[in-house]
Amino acid sequence: MKIKILSSQEKLLEGEAKEVIFPGEDGEFSVWDFHEPCLYRLRAGKIMVKLKKEKEEKVFLIKRGLAKIEFDRLVALVEPLI
């Protein structure tokens, strides 16, 4: 799936992911290709991204945010924890 993780200041990540794990308000949730379309509110925690072409996970610590999922696209607007 195509993924973008954005803050108000910069683009944190853009690429192709095979799985993304978010800290949702109701608990952690995992997103894969062709996930049901939805909008999630994110709480403080970490976003873990497994990219298609890399073996290493990318991790982003956030205060809060929103994730919008539409089948094979995911956009997350976050406030990073610095």
N, C-alpha and C. Protein backbone atom coordinates (compact mmCIF):
# COMPACT_ATOMS: atom_id res chain seq x y z
N MET A 1 0.85 -1.18 0.00
CA MET A 1 0.00 0.00 0.00
C MET A 1 0.89 1.23 0.00
N LYS A 2 0.38 2.30 -0.56
CA LYS A 2 1.09 3.57 -0.58
C LYS A 2 0.83 4.26 0.75
N ILE A 3 1.91 4.77 1.35
CA ILE A 3 1.78 5.37 2.67
C ILE A 3 2.48 6.73 2.71
N LYS A 4 1.83 7.67 3.43
CA LYS A 4 2.43 8.96 3.73
C LYS A 4 2.20 9.22 5.21
N ILE A 5 3.25 9.63 5.89
CA ILE A 5 3.14 10.08 7.28
C ILE A 5 3.64 11.51 7.29
N LEU A 6 2.74 12.42 7.68
CA LEU A 6 3.03 13.85 7.61
C LEU A 6 2.85 14.51 8.97
N SER A 7 3.69 15.51 9.24
CA SER A 7 3.47 16.39 10.38
C SER A 7 3.18 17.77 9.81
N SER A 8 2.90 18.73 10.65
CA SER A 8 2.64 20.08 10.15
C SER A 8 3.92 20.72 9.60
N GLN A 9 5.06 20.21 9.97
CA GLN A 9 6.34 20.77 9.57
C GLN A 9 6.99 20.09 8.38
N GLU A 10 6.75 18.74 8.23
CA GLU A 10 7.50 18.00 7.20
C GLU A 10 6.83 16.68 6.86
N LYS A 11 7.30 16.10 5.76
CA LYS A 11 6.89 14.75 5.39
C LYS A 11 7.85 13.80 6.09
N LEU A 12 7.32 12.97 6.99
CA LEU A 12 8.16 12.04 7.75
C LEU A 12 8.50 10.78 6.96
N LEU A 13 7.54 10.31 6.14
CA LEU A 13 7.76 9.10 5.37
C LEU A 13 6.80 9.05 4.20
N GLU A 14 7.31 8.60 3.06
CA GLU A 14 6.46 8.32 1.90
C GLU A 14 7.05 7.10 1.22
N GLY A 15 6.21 6.11 0.92
CA GLY A 15 6.71 4.92 0.28
C GLY A 15 5.66 3.82 0.19
N GLU A 16 6.15 2.60 -0.01
CA GLU A 16 5.31 1.41 -0.11
C GLU A 16 5.52 0.57 1.14
N ALA A 17 4.44 0.28 1.85
CA ALA A 17 4.52 -0.50 3.08
C ALA A 17 3.74 -1.80 2.93
N LYS A 18 4.18 -2.83 3.64
CA LYS A 18 3.39 -4.06 3.66
C LYS A 18 2.52 -4.14 4.91
N GLU A 19 2.92 -3.44 5.99
CA GLU A 19 2.11 -3.40 7.21
C GLU A 19 2.46 -2.14 8.00
N VAL A 20 1.43 -1.56 8.63
CA VAL A 20 1.63 -0.41 9.51
C VAL A 20 0.83 -0.68 10.79
N ILE A 21 1.47 -0.46 11.93
CA ILE A 21 0.81 -0.66 13.23
C ILE A 21 0.71 0.71 13.90
N PHE A 22 -0.52 1.08 14.27
CA PHE A 22 -0.82 2.38 14.85
C PHE A 22 -1.27 2.26 16.30
N PRO A 23 -1.03 3.31 17.11
CA PRO A 23 -1.61 3.39 18.45
C PRO A 23 -2.97 4.09 18.37
N GLY A 24 -4.02 3.35 18.13
CA GLY A 24 -5.35 3.93 18.03
C GLY A 24 -5.91 4.28 19.40
N GLU A 25 -6.90 5.13 19.44
CA GLU A 25 -7.51 5.50 20.72
C GLU A 25 -8.12 4.30 21.44
N ASP A 26 -8.58 3.31 20.68
CA ASP A 26 -9.19 2.12 21.28
C ASP A 26 -8.20 0.96 21.37
N GLY A 27 -6.92 1.20 21.11
CA GLY A 27 -5.90 0.16 21.15
C GLY A 27 -5.13 0.11 19.85
N GLU A 28 -4.07 -0.69 19.84
CA GLU A 28 -3.26 -0.83 18.63
C GLU A 28 -4.04 -1.51 17.52
N PHE A 29 -3.77 -1.10 16.28
CA PHE A 29 -4.37 -1.78 15.14
C PHE A 29 -3.37 -1.84 14.00
N SER A 30 -3.52 -2.86 13.19
CA SER A 30 -2.62 -3.13 12.07
C SER A 30 -3.35 -2.89 10.75
N VAL A 31 -2.66 -2.30 9.79
CA VAL A 31 -3.23 -2.02 8.49
C VAL A 31 -2.40 -2.73 7.42
N TRP A 32 -3.09 -3.44 6.54
CA TRP A 32 -2.47 -4.14 5.41
C TRP A 32 -3.11 -3.62 4.13
N ASP A 33 -2.62 -4.11 2.97
CA ASP A 33 -3.22 -3.74 1.69
C ASP A 33 -4.73 -4.00 1.70
N PHE A 34 -5.46 -3.12 1.05
CA PHE A 34 -6.91 -3.25 0.84
C PHE A 34 -7.70 -3.36 2.14
N HIS A 35 -7.26 -2.60 3.13
CA HIS A 35 -7.98 -2.47 4.39
C HIS A 35 -9.30 -1.74 4.12
N GLU A 36 -10.30 -2.05 4.87
CA GLU A 36 -11.59 -1.36 4.77
C GLU A 36 -11.36 0.15 4.98
N PRO A 37 -11.95 1.02 4.15
CA PRO A 37 -11.76 2.46 4.33
C PRO A 37 -12.24 2.91 5.71
N CYS A 38 -11.43 3.75 6.35
CA CYS A 38 -11.80 4.25 7.68
C CYS A 38 -10.92 5.44 8.06
N LEU A 39 -11.31 6.09 9.14
CA LEU A 39 -10.58 7.20 9.71
C LEU A 39 -10.40 6.89 11.19
N TYR A 40 -9.15 6.89 11.67
CA TYR A 40 -8.84 6.56 13.06
C TYR A 40 -8.18 7.74 13.75
N ARG A 41 -8.56 7.96 15.01
CA ARG A 41 -7.84 8.92 15.84
C ARG A 41 -6.72 8.17 16.54
N LEU A 42 -5.55 8.80 16.58
CA LEU A 42 -4.37 8.17 17.17
C LEU A 42 -4.03 8.82 18.49
N ARG A 43 -3.60 8.01 19.42
CA ARG A 43 -3.17 8.49 20.74
C ARG A 43 -1.65 8.51 20.78
N ALA A 44 -1.09 8.96 21.89
CA ALA A 44 0.37 8.96 22.06
C ALA A 44 0.87 7.51 22.01
N GLY A 45 1.97 7.33 21.32
CA GLY A 45 2.55 5.99 21.19
C GLY A 45 3.49 5.94 20.01
N LYS A 46 3.64 4.75 19.45
CA LYS A 46 4.56 4.62 18.32
C LYS A 46 3.87 3.99 17.12
N ILE A 47 4.23 4.52 15.95
CA ILE A 47 3.80 3.96 14.68
C ILE A 47 4.94 3.09 14.18
N MET A 48 4.65 1.84 13.83
CA MET A 48 5.66 0.94 13.29
C MET A 48 5.31 0.63 11.84
N VAL A 49 6.27 0.87 10.95
CA VAL A 49 6.05 0.69 9.52
C VAL A 49 7.00 -0.37 8.99
N LYS A 50 6.43 -1.40 8.36
CA LYS A 50 7.24 -2.42 7.69
C LYS A 50 7.18 -2.12 6.20
N LEU A 51 8.27 -1.59 5.67
CA LEU A 51 8.33 -1.22 4.26
C LEU A 51 8.52 -2.46 3.39
N LYS A 52 8.05 -2.40 2.17
CA LYS A 52 8.12 -3.54 1.26
C LYS A 52 9.55 -3.89 0.88
N LYS A 53 10.41 -2.90 0.67
CA LYS A 53 11.75 -3.16 0.15
C LYS A 53 12.84 -3.14 1.21
N GLU A 54 12.49 -2.96 2.47
CA GLU A 54 13.49 -2.94 3.54
C GLU A 54 13.12 -3.95 4.60
N LYS A 55 14.12 -4.55 5.21
CA LYS A 55 13.87 -5.53 6.26
C LYS A 55 13.65 -4.85 7.60
N GLU A 56 14.19 -3.67 7.75
CA GLU A 56 14.12 -2.93 9.00
C GLU A 56 12.79 -2.20 9.13
N GLU A 57 12.27 -2.11 10.35
CA GLU A 57 11.04 -1.34 10.61
C GLU A 57 11.40 0.12 10.85
N LYS A 58 10.52 1.00 10.41
CA LYS A 58 10.62 2.43 10.74
C LYS A 58 9.68 2.68 11.92
N VAL A 59 10.14 3.44 12.90
CA VAL A 59 9.34 3.73 14.08
C VAL A 59 9.26 5.24 14.28
N PHE A 60 8.04 5.72 14.52
CA PHE A 60 7.79 7.14 14.77
C PHE A 60 7.05 7.28 16.08
N LEU A 61 7.57 8.09 16.99
CA LEU A 61 6.90 8.37 18.26
C LEU A 61 6.02 9.60 18.07
N ILE A 62 4.75 9.47 18.47
CA ILE A 62 3.80 10.57 18.25
C ILE A 62 3.06 10.94 19.54
N LYS A 63 2.54 12.17 19.57
CA LYS A 63 1.68 12.63 20.67
C LYS A 63 0.22 12.32 20.37
N ARG A 64 -0.16 12.52 19.08
CA ARG A 64 -1.54 12.29 18.63
C ARG A 64 -1.57 12.40 17.12
N GLY A 65 -2.73 12.08 16.54
CA GLY A 65 -2.84 12.22 15.09
C GLY A 65 -4.10 11.59 14.54
N LEU A 66 -4.18 11.54 13.22
CA LEU A 66 -5.28 10.92 12.48
C LEU A 66 -4.70 10.04 11.39
N ALA A 67 -5.34 8.92 11.13
CA ALA A 67 -4.94 8.03 10.03
C ALA A 67 -6.16 7.80 9.15
N LYS A 68 -5.99 8.03 7.85
CA LYS A 68 -7.06 7.80 6.88
C LYS A 68 -6.62 6.66 5.98
N ILE A 69 -7.44 5.63 5.91
CA ILE A 69 -7.13 4.44 5.13
C ILE A 69 -8.17 4.31 4.02
N GLU A 70 -7.70 4.10 2.79
CA GLU A 70 -8.58 3.90 1.63
C GLU A 70 -8.02 2.78 0.78
N PHE A 71 -8.36 1.54 1.08
CA PHE A 71 -7.96 0.35 0.34
C PHE A 71 -6.44 0.21 0.24
N ASP A 72 -5.79 0.80 -0.77
CA ASP A 72 -4.35 0.63 -0.93
C ASP A 72 -3.58 1.93 -0.66
N ARG A 73 -4.22 2.89 0.03
CA ARG A 73 -3.57 4.15 0.38
C ARG A 73 -3.81 4.47 1.86
N LEU A 74 -2.77 5.02 2.47
CA LEU A 74 -2.86 5.39 3.87
C LEU A 74 -2.16 6.73 4.05
N VAL A 75 -2.84 7.67 4.70
CA VAL A 75 -2.24 8.96 5.03
C VAL A 75 -2.43 9.18 6.52
N ALA A 76 -1.34 9.48 7.21
CA ALA A 76 -1.41 9.77 8.64
C ALA A 76 -0.89 11.20 8.87
N LEU A 77 -1.69 11.99 9.57
CA LEU A 77 -1.29 13.34 9.97
C LEU A 77 -1.02 13.26 11.47
N VAL A 78 0.23 13.53 11.86
CA VAL A 78 0.63 13.29 13.25
C VAL A 78 1.35 14.49 13.85
N GLU A 79 1.34 14.52 15.18
CA GLU A 79 2.17 15.46 15.93
C GLU A 79 3.29 14.62 16.54
N PRO A 80 4.51 14.77 16.01
CA PRO A 80 5.61 13.93 16.49
C PRO A 80 6.01 14.25 17.92
N LEU A 81 6.53 13.28 18.60
CA LEU A 81 7.08 13.46 19.94
C LEU A 81 8.58 13.72 19.75
N ILE A 82 9.00 14.90 20.11
CA ILE A 82 10.41 15.27 19.86
C ILE A 82 11.20 15.29 21.15
